[in-house]
Amino acid sequence: MDLQKLSINDIKGFDAVKLRETEKAVRKALLDVRMDIYTAENKHTGKIRGLRKTLARVLTVAGATKAVKTKASTKKTK
């Protein structure tokens, strides 16, 4: 799976476990790219922007999913 090319529609199809796994994978990929840049192995600075956008998409979908579940559970208790 190419982490830079994940669309919001792909991410919306993930369940909670897959979202957490994707978040961890993106964070690890960001760390790897940053370390490559600092150690001067490769200068793929453009990858950082794509990975940060993907991470933002994943966190947005995860937050929205969590908010919907919280909202639904509070309606049941009332």
C-alpha atoms as a PDB file:
ATOM      1  CA  MET A   1       0.000   0.000   0.000  1.00  0.00           C
ATOM      2  CA  ASP A   2       1.413   3.344  -1.043  1.00  0.00           C
ATOM      3  CA  LEU A   3       0.896   5.559   1.980  1.00  0.00           C
ATOM      4  CA  GLN A   4       1.316   8.788   0.057  1.00  0.00           C
ATOM      5  CA  LYS A   5      -1.466   7.985  -2.384  1.00  0.00           C
ATOM      6  CA  LEU A   6      -4.217   6.981   0.043  1.00  0.00           C
ATOM      7  CA  SER A   7      -7.386   8.898  -0.761  1.00  0.00           C
ATOM      8  CA  ILE A   8     -10.000   9.936   1.758  1.00  0.00           C
ATOM      9  CA  ASN A   9     -12.466   7.464   0.212  1.00  0.00           C
ATOM     10  CA  ASP A  10     -10.035   4.599   0.788  1.00  0.00           C
ATOM     11  CA  ILE A  11      -9.467   5.660   4.370  1.00  0.00           C
ATOM     12  CA  LYS A  12     -13.196   5.987   5.114  1.00  0.00           C
ATOM     13  CA  GLY A  13     -13.557   2.298   4.298  1.00  0.00           C
ATOM     14  CA  PHE A  14     -11.127   1.283   7.054  1.00  0.00           C
ATOM     15  CA  ASP A  15     -12.302  -0.003  10.413  1.00  0.00           C
ATOM     16  CA  ALA A  16     -10.880   1.315  13.697  1.00  0.00           C
ATOM     17  CA  VAL A  17      -8.089  -1.274  13.865  1.00  0.00           C
ATOM     18  CA  LYS A  18      -6.998  -0.630  10.285  1.00  0.00           C
ATOM     19  CA  LEU A  19      -7.013   3.135  10.958  1.00  0.00           C
ATOM     20  CA  ARG A  20      -4.666   2.692  13.929  1.00  0.00           C
ATOM     21  CA  GLU A  21      -2.378   0.419  11.914  1.00  0.00           C
ATOM     22  CA  THR A  22      -2.297   2.932   9.056  1.00  0.00           C
ATOM     23  CA  GLU A  23      -1.563   5.781  11.463  1.00  0.00           C
ATOM     24  CA  LYS A  24       1.378   3.871  12.935  1.00  0.00           C
ATOM     25  CA  ALA A  25       2.677   2.995   9.465  1.00  0.00           C
ATOM     26  CA  VAL A  26       2.484   6.611   8.290  1.00  0.00           C
ATOM     27  CA  ARG A  27       4.228   7.878  11.418  1.00  0.00           C
ATOM     28  CA  LYS A  28       6.990   5.298  10.932  1.00  0.00           C
ATOM     29  CA  ALA A  29       7.353   6.233   7.258  1.00  0.00           C
ATOM     30  CA  LEU A  30       7.612   9.920   8.233  1.00  0.00           C
ATOM     31  CA  LEU A  31      10.328   9.084  10.737  1.00  0.00           C
ATOM     32  CA  ASP A  32      12.228   7.044   8.155  1.00  0.00           C
ATOM     33  CA  VAL A  33      12.061   9.796   5.533  1.00  0.00           C
ATOM     34  CA  ARG A  34      13.168  12.430   8.046  1.00  0.00           C
ATOM     35  CA  MET A  35      16.095  10.269   9.139  1.00  0.00           C
ATOM     36  CA  ASP A  36      17.079   9.731   5.493  1.00  0.00           C
ATOM     37  CA  ILE A  37      17.084  13.485   4.961  1.00  0.00           C
ATOM     38  CA  TYR A  38      19.118  14.181   8.106  1.00  0.00           C
ATOM     39  CA  THR A  39      21.661  11.513   7.309  1.00  0.00           C
ATOM     40  CA  ALA A  40      21.854  12.815   3.723  1.00  0.00           C
ATOM     41  CA  GLU A  41      21.103   9.447   2.150  1.00  0.00           C
ATOM     42  CA  ASN A  42      18.262  10.773   0.035  1.00  0.00           C
ATOM     43  CA  LYS A  43      16.726  14.177  -0.369  1.00  0.00           C
ATOM     44  CA  HIS A  44      13.078  13.176  -0.842  1.00  0.00           C
ATOM     45  CA  THR A  45      11.662  16.168   0.973  1.00  0.00           C
ATOM     46  CA  GLY A  46       8.471  16.053  -1.076  1.00  0.00           C
ATOM     47  CA  LYS A  47       7.527  12.748   0.513  1.00  0.00           C
ATOM     48  CA  ILE A  48       7.152  14.419   3.884  1.00  0.00           C
ATOM     49  CA  ARG A  49       4.353  16.652   2.660  1.00  0.00           C
ATOM     50  CA  GLY A  50       2.426  13.725   1.162  1.00  0.00           C
ATOM     51  CA  LEU A  51       2.838  11.615   4.281  1.00  0.00           C
ATOM     52  CA  ARG A  52       1.734  14.477   6.537  1.00  0.00           C
ATOM     53  CA  LYS A  53      -1.391  14.943   4.428  1.00  0.00           C
ATOM     54  CA  THR A  54      -2.142  11.228   4.629  1.00  0.00           C
ATOM     55  CA  LEU A  55      -1.650  11.290   8.393  1.00  0.00           C
ATOM     56  CA  ALA A  56      -4.059  14.234   8.645  1.00  0.00           C
ATOM     57  CA  ARG A  57      -6.639  12.328   6.602  1.00  0.00           C
ATOM     58  CA  VAL A  58      -6.324   9.247   8.794  1.00  0.00           C
ATOM     59  CA  LEU A  59      -6.621  11.252  12.006  1.00  0.00           C
ATOM     60  CA  THR A  60      -9.612  13.184  10.642  1.00  0.00           C
ATOM     61  CA  VAL A  61     -11.495  10.013   9.744  1.00  0.00           C
ATOM     62  CA  ALA A  62     -10.573   8.403  13.070  1.00  0.00           C
ATOM     63  CA  GLY A  63     -11.800  11.457  14.971  1.00  0.00           C
ATOM     64  CA  ALA A  64     -15.033  11.630  12.997  1.00  0.00           C
ATOM     65  CA  THR A  65     -15.676   7.933  13.580  1.00  0.00           C
ATOM     66  CA  LYS A  66     -15.024   8.337  17.285  1.00  0.00           C
ATOM     67  CA  ALA A  67     -17.316  11.389  17.468  1.00  0.00           C
ATOM     68  CA  VAL A  68     -20.151   9.534  15.756  1.00  0.00           C
ATOM     69  CA  LYS A  69     -19.821   6.582  18.130  1.00  0.00           C
ATOM     70  CA  THR A  70     -19.727   8.897  21.151  1.00  0.00           C
ATOM     71  CA  LYS A  71     -22.739  10.841  19.923  1.00  0.00           C
ATOM     72  CA  ALA A  72     -24.688   7.631  19.313  1.00  0.00           C
ATOM     73  CA  SER A  73     -23.873   6.246  22.760  1.00  0.00           C
ATOM     74  CA  THR A  74     -24.950   9.456  24.526  1.00  0.00           C
ATOM     75  CA  LYS A  75     -28.289   9.412  22.709  1.00  0.00           C
ATOM     76  CA  LYS A  76     -28.935   5.854  23.936  1.00  0.00           C
ATOM     77  CA  THR A  77     -28.315   6.765  27.573  1.00  0.00           C
ATOM     78  CA  LYS A  78     -30.726   9.699  27.617  1.00  0.00           C
END
